[in-house]
Protein backbone atom coordinates (compact mmCIF):
# COMPACT_ATOMS: atom_id res chain seq x y z
CA MET A 1 193.25 22.62 -99.36
CA LEU A 2 195.38 25.59 -98.48
CA VAL A 3 198.62 24.65 -96.70
CA LEU A 4 200.47 27.31 -94.70
CA ALA A 5 203.65 27.20 -92.63
CA ARG A 6 203.54 29.12 -89.34
CA ARG A 7 205.85 29.41 -86.33
CA ILE A 8 205.01 29.83 -82.64
CA ASN A 9 203.00 33.06 -82.03
CA GLU A 10 202.27 33.44 -85.73
CA SER A 11 198.68 33.28 -86.88
CA ILE A 12 196.32 33.04 -89.79
CA MET A 13 193.05 34.88 -90.27
CA ILE A 14 189.84 33.24 -91.53
CA GLY A 15 187.60 36.02 -92.76
CA ASP A 16 187.60 39.14 -90.64
CA ASP A 17 186.60 37.50 -87.37
CA ILE A 18 188.53 34.33 -86.81
CA GLU A 19 192.24 34.15 -85.85
CA VAL A 20 194.16 30.90 -85.44
CA VAL A 21 197.41 31.28 -83.51
CA VAL A 22 200.18 28.68 -83.15
CA ILE A 23 200.66 28.52 -79.35
CA ASP A 24 203.19 25.68 -78.99
CA ILE A 25 204.90 22.91 -80.93
CA LYS A 26 206.24 19.80 -79.20
CA GLY A 27 207.25 16.84 -81.30
CA ASP A 28 204.30 15.92 -83.52
CA GLN A 29 201.78 17.95 -81.51
CA VAL A 30 200.77 21.50 -82.34
CA LYS A 31 198.70 23.62 -79.91
CA LEU A 32 196.48 26.15 -81.55
CA GLY A 33 194.57 29.09 -80.08
CA ILE A 34 191.38 30.13 -81.82
CA LYS A 35 189.94 33.65 -81.39
CA ALA A 36 186.39 33.76 -82.77
CA PRO A 37 183.14 35.56 -81.98
CA LYS A 38 180.99 33.74 -79.35
CA LYS A 39 178.27 33.13 -81.95
CA ILE A 40 180.67 30.80 -83.81
CA THR A 41 181.03 27.34 -82.40
CA VAL A 42 184.43 25.72 -82.52
CA HIS A 43 184.86 21.95 -82.02
CA ARG A 44 187.54 19.42 -82.61
CA LYS A 45 186.61 17.45 -85.72
CA GLU A 46 185.96 14.19 -83.86
CA ILE A 47 183.51 15.96 -81.52
CA TYR A 48 181.86 17.71 -84.46
CA ASN A 49 181.40 14.30 -86.15
CA GLU A 50 179.84 12.88 -82.98
CA ILE A 51 177.41 15.82 -82.82
CA GLN A 52 176.43 15.26 -86.41
CA GLN A 53 175.81 11.54 -85.80
CA GLU A 54 173.66 12.31 -82.74
CA ASN A 55 171.64 14.77 -84.84
CA ILE A 56 171.14 12.17 -87.53
CA ALA A 57 170.12 9.54 -84.94
CA ALA A 58 167.59 11.99 -83.42
CA MET A 59 165.95 12.36 -86.85
CA SER A 60 165.72 8.63 -87.53
CA PRO A 61 162.40 6.78 -87.38
CA ASP A 62 163.73 4.76 -84.41
CA PHE A 63 163.84 7.95 -82.34
CA LYS A 64 161.16 7.82 -79.63
CA PRO A 65 159.59 11.20 -78.85
CA ASP A 66 158.16 9.64 -75.61
CA LEU A 67 161.67 9.74 -74.24
CA LEU A 68 161.64 13.53 -74.49
CA ARG A 69 158.32 13.63 -72.66
CA GLU A 70 159.64 11.40 -69.88
CA LEU A 71 162.77 13.53 -69.55
CA SER A 72 160.61 16.67 -69.40
CA ASP A 73 158.45 15.08 -66.69
CA TYR A 74 161.56 14.10 -64.76
CA PHE A 75 162.82 17.67 -64.67
CA ASP A 76 159.34 19.00 -63.79
CA LYS A 77 159.38 17.10 -60.48
CA ASP A 78 160.41 18.93 -57.32
CA LYS A 79 162.96 17.59 -54.84
CA ASN A 80 160.30 15.44 -53.10
CA GLY A 81 159.49 13.63 -56.34
CA LYS A 82 156.19 15.49 -56.73
CA LYS A 83 155.24 17.23 -59.93
CA ASP A 84 155.91 21.00 -59.83
CA LYS A 85 152.86 23.17 -60.13
CA LYS A 86 153.28 25.73 -62.88
């Protein structure tokens, strides 16, 4: 792990496209700003871990593809509850 010391308004570069800027420091909390291309997703680690767990759960044998079909049918219905004609 690389450890760097930065002050407010100082930044680090990750590759050529990602800049991480120290925005504020209050007590034990540091606010970071991240400038990255739109094609790169940025998540807090706990959110990233939840996404990974959901992806693993979706691939498990307990996953029921019928739920996807039911969800699709739900969104295909018009406001009156009738199936949309496509």
